[in-house]
């Protein structure tokens, strides 16, 4: 079962997908695509930043599930995670905008081409869980995007949001159960008389 690291591992998988698809063109080095905040870009040309997590309410899972003859475990929490993908061009001023658009276009293409994270990108606890995490580009209007950037001194940069769904985080909560070893049946007298 995926552990508490599942959100990080999903972000890392998205980063690796983008590294494979965008290097060496339009991004020259894999290290220039990072899982980090877009507000402190350093030498990055593309950043993947987790900005929101929510419980997925479409799954109506039972509270507990049996994991052995004497043990039950609370069902995992299923969450959706939202990652902000932002381009940071290092090109000269006259080429900066064109370079930014190329990087964003290639990133959109890479995510659209992989609606489910394939096994070769799963890492850590996601591997043992054989996770089925879906990726989609979220349609956020400009106002929502500005709110994401609102609390910083950094000017807005063109970005898009990737929504990852189906991330399971296991529970450590368990309870003991015991098997039924014997049962006593009694019949009332009316039932016996009719037999």
Protein backbone atom coordinates (compact mmCIF):
# COMPACT_ATOMS: atom_id res chain seq x y z
CA UNK A 1 0.00 0.00 0.00
CA UNK A 2 1.27 3.49 -0.83
CA UNK A 3 2.72 5.24 2.20
CA UNK A 4 2.59 8.85 3.39
CA UNK A 5 5.26 9.55 0.77
CA UNK A 6 2.76 8.99 -2.08
CA UNK A 7 2.19 12.70 -2.80
CA UNK A 8 5.93 13.34 -3.06
CA UNK A 9 6.42 10.22 -5.18
CA UNK A 10 3.65 11.37 -7.55
CA UNK A 11 5.32 14.77 -7.93
CA UNK A 12 8.63 13.05 -8.54
CA UNK A 13 7.03 10.84 -11.23
CA UNK A 14 5.60 13.92 -12.99
CA UNK A 15 9.05 15.53 -12.86
CA UNK A 16 10.66 12.43 -14.43
CA UNK A 17 8.01 12.31 -17.18
CA UNK A 18 8.80 15.93 -18.02
CA UNK A 19 12.57 15.33 -17.88
CA UNK A 20 12.31 12.46 -20.34
CA UNK A 21 10.04 14.36 -22.73
CA UNK A 22 11.68 17.80 -22.64
CA UNK A 23 15.42 17.05 -22.70
CA UNK A 24 17.61 17.76 -24.54
CA UNK A 25 15.12 19.95 -26.44
CA UNK A 26 13.64 22.43 -25.44
CA UNK A 27 15.41 22.06 -22.04
CA UNK A 28 19.10 21.21 -22.37
CA UNK A 29 19.67 19.35 -19.05
CA UNK A 30 17.46 17.09 -16.92
CA UNK A 31 18.56 18.91 -13.74
CA UNK A 32 16.90 22.09 -15.02
CA UNK A 33 13.47 20.48 -14.45
CA UNK A 34 12.85 20.25 -10.71
CA UNK A 35 10.28 19.49 -8.07
CA UNK A 36 10.42 22.86 -6.30
CA UNK A 37 8.62 26.14 -5.79
CA UNK A 38 8.35 28.39 -8.86
CA UNK A 39 9.04 31.48 -6.75
CA UNK A 40 12.69 30.56 -6.22
CA UNK A 41 13.57 29.31 -9.64
CA UNK A 42 17.42 29.33 -9.33
CA UNK A 43 18.77 27.59 -12.44
CA UNK A 44 15.54 25.76 -13.29
CA UNK A 45 13.80 26.08 -16.62
CA UNK A 46 10.70 24.16 -15.53
CA UNK A 47 9.37 23.71 -12.00
CA UNK A 48 6.80 21.26 -10.61
CA UNK A 49 5.19 22.62 -7.43
CA UNK A 50 2.49 21.02 -5.27
CA UNK A 51 0.07 23.79 -4.32
CA UNK A 52 -3.13 21.98 -3.27
CA UNK A 53 -4.30 18.58 -1.96
CA UNK A 54 -7.89 17.46 -1.44
CA UNK A 55 -9.72 14.29 -0.44
CA UNK A 56 -11.25 12.46 -3.38
CA UNK A 57 -14.93 12.10 -2.51
CA UNK A 58 -15.92 9.94 -5.48
CA UNK A 59 -14.60 6.79 -3.80
CA UNK A 60 -17.04 5.34 -1.29
CA UNK A 61 -14.70 2.88 0.38
CA UNK A 62 -15.53 0.86 3.50
CA UNK A 63 -13.99 2.20 6.71
CA UNK A 64 -12.01 -0.98 7.44
CA UNK A 65 -10.73 -3.89 5.39
CA UNK A 66 -9.52 -7.31 6.49
CA UNK A 67 -5.76 -7.80 6.21
CA UNK A 68 -5.42 -11.11 8.04
CA UNK A 69 -7.32 -13.63 10.11
CA UNK A 70 -7.19 -11.43 13.24
CA UNK A 71 -6.61 -7.92 11.92
CA UNK A 72 -8.47 -5.16 10.12
CA UNK A 73 -6.94 -1.98 8.75
CA UNK A 74 -8.58 1.37 8.11
CA UNK A 75 -9.06 1.96 4.38
CA UNK A 76 -6.52 4.23 2.67
CA UNK A 77 -7.20 7.91 2.12
CA UNK A 78 -7.63 8.70 -1.58
CA UNK A 79 -6.45 12.19 -2.50
CA UNK A 80 -6.11 14.43 -5.54
CA UNK A 81 -2.98 16.56 -5.80
CA UNK A 82 -2.56 19.71 -7.90
CA UNK A 83 0.88 20.56 -9.26
CA UNK A 84 1.73 23.94 -10.77
CA UNK A 85 3.99 23.62 -13.83
CA UNK A 86 5.91 26.84 -14.57
CA UNK A 87 8.46 27.68 -17.26
CA UNK A 88 11.50 29.87 -16.49
CA UNK A 89 13.38 30.79 -19.64
CA UNK A 90 17.12 31.45 -19.40
CA UNK A 91 17.28 32.81 -22.97
CA UNK A 92 18.36 36.38 -23.81
CA UNK A 93 15.60 38.98 -23.39
CA UNK A 94 14.60 39.07 -27.06
CA UNK A 95 14.12 35.25 -27.09
CA UNK A 96 12.75 34.77 -23.55
CA UNK A 97 9.02 34.77 -24.38
CA UNK A 98 9.39 32.39 -27.34
CA UNK A 99 11.53 30.04 -25.23
CA UNK A 100 8.95 30.10 -22.39
CA UNK A 101 6.12 29.21 -24.80
CA UNK A 102 8.12 26.35 -26.31
CA UNK A 103 8.86 24.88 -22.88
CA UNK A 104 5.22 25.17 -21.77
CA UNK A 105 3.97 23.66 -25.03
CA UNK A 106 6.32 20.69 -24.71
CA UNK A 107 5.26 20.17 -21.06
CA UNK A 108 1.56 20.23 -22.00
CA UNK A 109 2.24 17.73 -24.77
CA UNK A 110 4.11 15.38 -22.38
CA UNK A 111 1.30 15.38 -19.78
CA UNK A 112 -1.48 15.04 -22.39
CA UNK A 113 0.36 12.06 -23.91
CA UNK A 114 0.46 10.23 -20.54
CA UNK A 115 -3.01 10.24 -18.95
CA UNK A 116 -1.91 7.51 -16.50
CA UNK A 117 1.53 7.33 -14.89
CA UNK A 118 3.12 4.21 -16.37
CA UNK A 119 4.93 1.62 -14.23
CA UNK A 120 8.41 2.79 -15.27
CA UNK A 121 7.73 6.17 -13.57
CA UNK A 122 6.31 4.76 -10.35
CA UNK A 123 8.78 4.93 -7.47
CA UNK A 124 8.95 4.18 -3.76
CA UNK A 125 5.72 2.99 -2.18
CA UNK A 126 3.81 3.59 -5.44
CA UNK A 127 5.65 0.61 -6.97
CA UNK A 128 4.57 -1.86 -4.29
CA UNK A 129 1.02 -0.53 -4.45
CA UNK A 130 0.89 -0.82 -8.27
CA UNK A 131 -0.77 2.59 -8.19
CA UNK A 132 -3.12 3.74 -10.92
CA UNK A 133 -2.62 7.51 -10.87
CA UNK A 134 -4.28 9.57 -13.57
CA UNK A 135 -3.00 12.91 -14.85
CA UNK A 136 -5.03 15.64 -16.47
CA UNK A 137 -4.48 19.28 -17.25
CA UNK A 138 -6.80 21.30 -15.05
CA UNK A 139 -8.75 24.15 -16.62
CA UNK A 140 -8.07 27.04 -14.25
CA UNK A 141 -9.14 30.51 -15.25
CA UNK A 142 -6.72 33.44 -15.06
CA UNK A 143 -8.21 34.67 -11.77
CA UNK A 144 -7.49 31.33 -10.04
CA UNK A 145 -3.95 31.30 -11.42
CA UNK A 146 -3.36 34.83 -10.12
CA UNK A 147 -4.51 33.74 -6.64
CA UNK A 148 -1.84 31.05 -6.61
CA UNK A 149 0.81 33.72 -7.26
CA UNK A 150 -0.86 36.42 -5.16
CA UNK A 151 1.09 35.97 -1.91
CA UNK A 152 4.52 36.40 -3.44
CA UNK A 153 6.63 39.31 -4.57
CA UNK A 154 7.36 37.39 -7.78
CA UNK A 155 5.57 38.56 -10.93
CA UNK A 156 3.14 36.07 -12.49
CA UNK A 157 4.66 33.60 -14.93
CA UNK A 158 2.71 31.57 -17.46
CA UNK A 159 1.84 28.25 -15.86
CA UNK A 160 -0.60 25.38 -16.01
CA UNK A 161 -1.93 22.92 -13.45
CA UNK A 162 -1.70 19.13 -13.53
CA UNK A 163 -4.29 17.29 -11.44
CA UNK A 164 -3.18 13.85 -10.24
CA UNK A 165 -6.06 11.62 -9.10
CA UNK A 166 -6.18 8.25 -7.36
CA UNK A 167 -3.29 8.78 -4.94
CA UNK A 168 -3.78 6.34 -2.05
CA UNK A 169 -2.21 6.94 1.35
CA UNK A 170 -2.34 3.94 3.64
CA UNK A 171 -3.56 4.09 7.22
CA UNK A 172 -1.64 2.89 10.29
CA UNK A 173 -4.87 2.45 12.22
CA UNK A 174 -5.76 -1.19 12.83
CA UNK A 175 -8.08 -3.16 15.05
CA UNK A 176 -8.08 -6.77 16.17
CA UNK A 177 -10.87 -9.11 15.22
CA UNK A 178 -11.62 -12.65 16.33
CA UNK A 179 -13.11 -15.48 14.39
CA UNK A 180 -16.41 -17.05 15.36
CA UNK A 181 -15.46 -20.37 16.95
CA UNK A 182 -18.89 -21.62 17.99
CA UNK A 183 -22.52 -20.62 17.73
CA UNK A 184 -25.67 -21.62 19.61
CA UNK A 185 -29.00 -21.75 17.82
CA UNK A 186 -32.30 -21.84 19.64
CA UNK A 187 -35.76 -22.30 18.20
CA UNK A 188 -38.80 -20.90 19.85
CA UNK A 189 -41.63 -23.35 20.66
CA UNK A 190 -43.98 -22.10 17.92
CA UNK A 191 -41.35 -22.75 15.29
CA UNK A 192 -40.72 -26.26 16.71
CA UNK A 193 -44.45 -27.07 16.65
CA UNK A 194 -44.76 -26.17 12.98
CA UNK A 195 -41.82 -28.43 12.05
